[in-house]
Each structure stands twice: as structure tokens, then as C-alpha cells.
PDB file of all heavy atoms in Angstrom:
ATOM      1  N   LEU A   1      -6.098   0.074   2.769  1.00  0.00           N
ATOM      2  CA  LEU A   1      -5.563   1.199   3.435  1.00  0.00           C
ATOM      3  C   LEU A   1      -4.201   1.443   2.936  1.00  0.00           C
ATOM      4  O   LEU A   1      -3.739   2.578   2.666  1.00  0.00           O
ATOM      5  CB  LEU A   1      -5.562   1.022   4.917  1.00  0.00           C
ATOM      6  CG  LEU A   1      -4.976   2.130   5.770  1.00  0.00           C
ATOM      7  CD1 LEU A   1      -5.736   3.396   5.573  1.00  0.00           C
ATOM      8  CD2 LEU A   1      -4.994   1.750   7.254  1.00  0.00           C
ATOM      9  N   GLY A   2      -3.347   0.314   2.792  1.00  0.00           N
ATOM     10  CA  GLY A   2      -2.040   0.450   2.332  1.00  0.00           C
ATOM     11  C   GLY A   2      -1.966   1.046   0.907  1.00  0.00           C
ATOM     12  O   GLY A   2      -1.049   1.829   0.563  1.00  0.00           O
ATOM     13  N   ALA A   3      -2.877   0.563   0.072  1.00  0.00           N
ATOM     14  CA  ALA A   3      -2.952   1.078  -1.278  1.00  0.00           C
ATOM     15  C   ALA A   3      -3.203   2.579  -1.372  1.00  0.00           C
ATOM     16  O   ALA A   3      -2.580   3.294  -2.150  1.00  0.00           O
ATOM     17  CB  ALA A   3      -4.033   0.286  -2.128  1.00  0.00           C
ATOM     18  N   VAL A   4      -4.156   3.029  -0.551  1.00  0.00           N
ATOM     19  CA  VAL A   4      -4.485   4.424  -0.478  1.00  0.00           C
ATOM     20  C   VAL A   4      -3.175   5.248  -0.054  1.00  0.00           C
ATOM     21  O   VAL A   4      -2.869   6.281  -0.680  1.00  0.00           O
ATOM     22  CB  VAL A   4      -5.658   4.704   0.427  1.00  0.00           C
ATOM     23  CG1 VAL A   4      -5.819   6.168   0.721  1.00  0.00           C
ATOM     24  CG2 VAL A   4      -6.948   4.069  -0.130  1.00  0.00           C
ATOM     25  N   ILE A   5      -2.567   4.830   1.003  1.00  0.00           N
ATOM     26  CA  ILE A   5      -1.461   5.566   1.536  1.00  0.00           C
ATOM     27  C   ILE A   5      -0.293   5.525   0.483  1.00  0.00           C
ATOM     28  O   ILE A   5       0.341   6.531   0.208  1.00  0.00           O
ATOM     29  CB  ILE A   5      -0.936   4.895   2.807  1.00  0.00           C
ATOM     30  CG1 ILE A   5      -1.965   5.220   3.953  1.00  0.00           C
ATOM     31  CG2 ILE A   5       0.416   5.498   3.264  1.00  0.00           C
ATOM     32  CD1 ILE A   5      -1.765   4.455   5.265  1.00  0.00           C
ATOM     33  N   GLY A   6      -0.053   4.291  -0.155  1.00  0.00           N
ATOM     34  CA  GLY A   6       0.884   4.173  -1.235  1.00  0.00           C
ATOM     35  C   GLY A   6       0.634   5.084  -2.439  1.00  0.00           C
ATOM     36  O   GLY A   6       1.571   5.727  -3.004  1.00  0.00           O
ATOM     37  N   ALA A   7      -0.589   5.192  -2.833  1.00  0.00           N
ATOM     38  CA  ALA A   7      -1.012   6.020  -3.943  1.00  0.00           C
ATOM     39  C   ALA A   7      -0.754   7.486  -3.640  1.00  0.00           C
ATOM     40  O   ALA A   7      -0.216   8.285  -4.529  1.00  0.00           O
ATOM     41  CB  ALA A   7      -2.459   5.868  -4.363  1.00  0.00           C
ATOM     42  N   ILE A   8      -1.040   7.909  -2.494  1.00  0.00           N
ATOM     43  CA  ILE A   8      -0.727   9.277  -2.166  1.00  0.00           C
ATOM     44  C   ILE A   8       0.684   9.579  -2.100  1.00  0.00           C
ATOM     45  O   ILE A   8       1.223  10.573  -2.630  1.00  0.00           O
ATOM     46  CB  ILE A   8      -1.314   9.599  -0.636  1.00  0.00           C
ATOM     47  CG1 ILE A   8      -2.852   9.614  -0.768  1.00  0.00           C
ATOM     48  CG2 ILE A   8      -0.835  10.948  -0.133  1.00  0.00           C
ATOM     49  CD1 ILE A   8      -3.562   9.579   0.611  1.00  0.00           C
ATOM     50  N   ALA A   9       1.512   8.581  -1.599  1.00  0.00           N
ATOM     51  CA  ALA A   9       3.013   8.839  -1.494  1.00  0.00           C
ATOM     52  C   ALA A   9       3.673   8.645  -2.807  1.00  0.00           C
ATOM     53  O   ALA A   9       4.697   9.352  -3.119  1.00  0.00           O
ATOM     54  CB  ALA A   9       3.626   7.884  -0.483  1.00  0.00           C
ATOM     55  N   GLY A  10       3.222   7.702  -3.714  1.00  0.00           N
ATOM     56  CA  GLY A  10       3.988   7.417  -4.854  1.00  0.00           C
ATOM     57  C   GLY A  10       3.315   7.127  -6.115  1.00  0.00           C
ATOM     58  O   GLY A  10       3.814   6.408  -7.024  1.00  0.00           O
ATOM     59  N   GLY A  11       1.924   7.501  -6.266  1.00  0.00           N
ATOM     60  CA  GLY A  11       1.327   7.258  -7.521  1.00  0.00           C
ATOM     61  C   GLY A  11       0.893   5.810  -7.593  1.00  0.00           C
ATOM     62  O   GLY A  11       0.755   5.053  -6.655  1.00  0.00           O
ATOM     63  N   GLY A  12       0.695   5.355  -8.873  1.00  0.00           N
ATOM     64  CA  GLY A  12       0.276   3.923  -9.207  1.00  0.00           C
ATOM     65  C   GLY A  12       1.186   2.892  -8.648  1.00  0.00           C
ATOM     66  O   GLY A  12       0.767   1.887  -8.036  1.00  0.00           O
ATOM     67  N   LYS A  13       2.546   3.066  -8.793  1.00  0.00           N
ATOM     68  CA  LYS A  13       3.517   2.084  -8.274  1.00  0.00           C
ATOM     69  C   LYS A  13       3.465   2.081  -6.759  1.00  0.00           C
ATOM     70  O   LYS A  13       3.567   1.010  -6.145  1.00  0.00           O
ATOM     71  CB  LYS A  13       4.913   2.464  -8.797  1.00  0.00           C
ATOM     72  CG  LYS A  13       5.937   1.455  -8.388  1.00  0.00           C
ATOM     73  CD  LYS A  13       7.381   1.863  -8.927  1.00  0.00           C
ATOM     74  CE  LYS A  13       8.417   0.910  -8.480  1.00  0.00           C
ATOM     75  NZ  LYS A  13       9.713   1.366  -8.937  1.00  0.00           N
ATOM     76  N   GLY A  14       3.280   3.183  -6.148  1.00  0.00           N
ATOM     77  CA  GLY A  14       3.197   3.295  -4.685  1.00  0.00           C
ATOM     78  C   GLY A  14       1.981   2.663  -4.165  1.00  0.00           C
ATOM     79  O   GLY A  14       1.985   1.947  -3.047  1.00  0.00           O
ATOM     80  N   ALA A  15       0.887   2.602  -4.959  1.00  0.00           N
ATOM     81  CA  ALA A  15      -0.359   1.976  -4.557  1.00  0.00           C
ATOM     82  C   ALA A  15      -0.130   0.451  -4.451  1.00  0.00           C
ATOM     83  O   ALA A  15      -0.663  -0.242  -3.556  1.00  0.00           O
ATOM     84  CB  ALA A  15      -1.515   2.290  -5.522  1.00  0.00           C
ATOM     85  N   ALA A  16       0.555  -0.124  -5.460  1.00  0.00           N
ATOM     86  CA  ALA A  16       0.769  -1.530  -5.457  1.00  0.00           C
ATOM     87  C   ALA A  16       1.683  -1.964  -4.311  1.00  0.00           C
ATOM     88  O   ALA A  16       1.421  -3.010  -3.593  1.00  0.00           O
ATOM     89  CB  ALA A  16       1.431  -1.966  -6.799  1.00  0.00           C
ATOM     90  N   ILE A  17       2.723  -1.168  -4.056  1.00  0.00           N
ATOM     91  CA  ILE A  17       3.582  -1.469  -2.925  1.00  0.00           C
ATOM     92  C   ILE A  17       2.851  -1.326  -1.597  1.00  0.00           C
ATOM     93  O   ILE A  17       2.933  -2.175  -0.687  1.00  0.00           O
ATOM     94  CB  ILE A  17       4.839  -0.510  -2.903  1.00  0.00           C
ATOM     95  CG1 ILE A  17       5.686  -0.881  -4.201  1.00  0.00           C
ATOM     96  CG2 ILE A  17       5.685  -0.642  -1.675  1.00  0.00           C
ATOM     97  CD1 ILE A  17       6.809   0.105  -4.444  1.00  0.00           C
ATOM     98  N   GLY A  18       1.992  -0.249  -1.485  1.00  0.00           N
ATOM     99  CA  GLY A  18       1.229  -0.013  -0.292  1.00  0.00           C
ATOM    100  C   GLY A  18       0.263  -1.134  -0.017  1.00  0.00           C
ATOM    101  O   GLY A  18      -0.003  -1.576   1.169  1.00  0.00           O
ATOM    102  N   ALA A  19      -0.421  -1.693  -1.088  1.00  0.00           N
ATOM    103  CA  ALA A  19      -1.369  -2.729  -0.882  1.00  0.00           C
ATOM    104  C   ALA A  19      -0.681  -3.996  -0.333  1.00  0.00           C
ATOM    105  O   ALA A  19      -1.180  -4.648   0.554  1.00  0.00           O
ATOM    106  CB  ALA A  19      -2.052  -3.113  -2.204  1.00  0.00           C
ATOM    107  N   GLY A  20       0.487  -4.342  -0.903  1.00  0.00           N
ATOM    108  CA  GLY A  20       1.245  -5.423  -0.381  1.00  0.00           C
ATOM    109  C   GLY A  20       1.692  -5.293   1.073  1.00  0.00           C
ATOM    110  O   GLY A  20       1.509  -6.193   1.884  1.00  0.00           O
ATOM    111  N   SER A  21       2.134  -4.144   1.446  1.00  0.00           N
ATOM    112  CA  SER A  21       2.526  -3.812   2.781  1.00  0.00           C
ATOM    113  C   SER A  21       1.375  -3.913   3.687  1.00  0.00           C
ATOM    114  O   SER A  21       1.423  -4.359   4.822  1.00  0.00           O
ATOM    115  CB  SER A  21       3.210  -2.404   2.886  1.00  0.00           C
ATOM    116  OG  SER A  21       4.399  -2.419   2.057  1.00  0.00           O
ATOM    117  N   GLY A  22       0.259  -3.308   3.246  1.00  0.00           N
ATOM    118  CA  GLY A  22      -0.980  -3.391   4.086  1.00  0.00           C
ATOM    119  C   GLY A  22      -1.518  -4.767   4.327  1.00  0.00           C
ATOM    120  O   GLY A  22      -1.896  -5.055   5.504  1.00  0.00           O
ATOM    121  N   ALA A  23      -1.422  -5.622   3.376  1.00  0.00           N
ATOM    122  CA  ALA A  23      -1.853  -7.036   3.543  1.00  0.00           C
ATOM    123  C   ALA A  23      -0.920  -7.654   4.534  1.00  0.00           C
ATOM    124  O   ALA A  23      -1.370  -8.435   5.401  1.00  0.00           O
ATOM    125  CB  ALA A  23      -1.830  -7.779   2.175  1.00  0.00           C
ATOM    126  N   ALA A  24       0.388  -7.400   4.482  1.00  0.00           N
ATOM    127  CA  ALA A  24       1.283  -8.042   5.412  1.00  0.00           C
ATOM    128  C   ALA A  24       1.065  -7.551   6.822  1.00  0.00           C
ATOM    129  O   ALA A  24       1.039  -8.311   7.787  1.00  0.00           O
ATOM    130  CB  ALA A  24       2.751  -7.708   4.990  1.00  0.00           C
ATOM    131  N   VAL A  25       0.727  -6.294   7.000  1.00  0.00           N
ATOM    132  CA  VAL A  25       0.455  -5.760   8.331  1.00  0.00           C
ATOM    133  C   VAL A  25      -0.849  -6.352   8.838  1.00  0.00           C
ATOM    134  O   VAL A  25      -0.945  -6.841   9.976  1.00  0.00           O
ATOM    135  CB  VAL A  25       0.314  -4.189   8.318  1.00  0.00           C
ATOM    136  CG1 VAL A  25      -0.252  -3.704   9.575  1.00  0.00           C
ATOM    137  CG2 VAL A  25       1.694  -3.568   8.050  1.00  0.00           C
ATOM    138  N   GLY A  26      -1.876  -6.548   7.970  1.00  0.00           N
ATOM    139  CA  GLY A  26      -3.127  -7.153   8.374  1.00  0.00           C
ATOM    140  C   GLY A  26      -2.935  -8.611   8.808  1.00  0.00           C
ATOM    141  O   GLY A  26      -3.531  -9.091   9.819  1.00  0.00           O
ATOM    142  N   THR A  27      -2.138  -9.402   8.022  1.00  0.00           N
ATOM    143  CA  THR A  27      -1.853 -10.748   8.490  1.00  0.00           C
ATOM    144  C   THR A  27      -1.136 -10.782   9.816  1.00  0.00           C
ATOM    145  O   THR A  27      -1.467 -11.615  10.644  1.00  0.00           O
ATOM    146  CB  THR A  27      -0.954 -11.450   7.377  1.00  0.00           C
ATOM    147  OG1 THR A  27      -1.642 -11.358   6.150  1.00  0.00           O
ATOM    148  CG2 THR A  27      -0.665 -12.937   7.741  1.00  0.00           C
ATOM    149  N   GLY A  28      -0.135  -9.928  10.027  1.00  0.00           N
ATOM    150  CA  GLY A  28       0.491  -9.871  11.308  1.00  0.00           C
ATOM    151  C   GLY A  28      -0.466  -9.515  12.460  1.00  0.00           C
ATOM    152  O   GLY A  28      -0.362 -10.200  13.514  1.00  0.00           O
TER     153      GLY A  28
END
């Protein structure tokens, strides 16, 4: 989910950042 949101917001680099953020939210 974070990767999808990141890709929409910032392209390929945003997808990577979004995936990391999404994993952190899931762990929390």
C-alpha cells in the first residue's frame, strides 16, 4: 500500500520510500 501511494506521489523513487514507510506502519 505504501509503495502504491509513494508511486502516485513521486514516481519510482516515491514507490521505494512508500514501501519502506508502509512496512514500518505495518510493524507498528
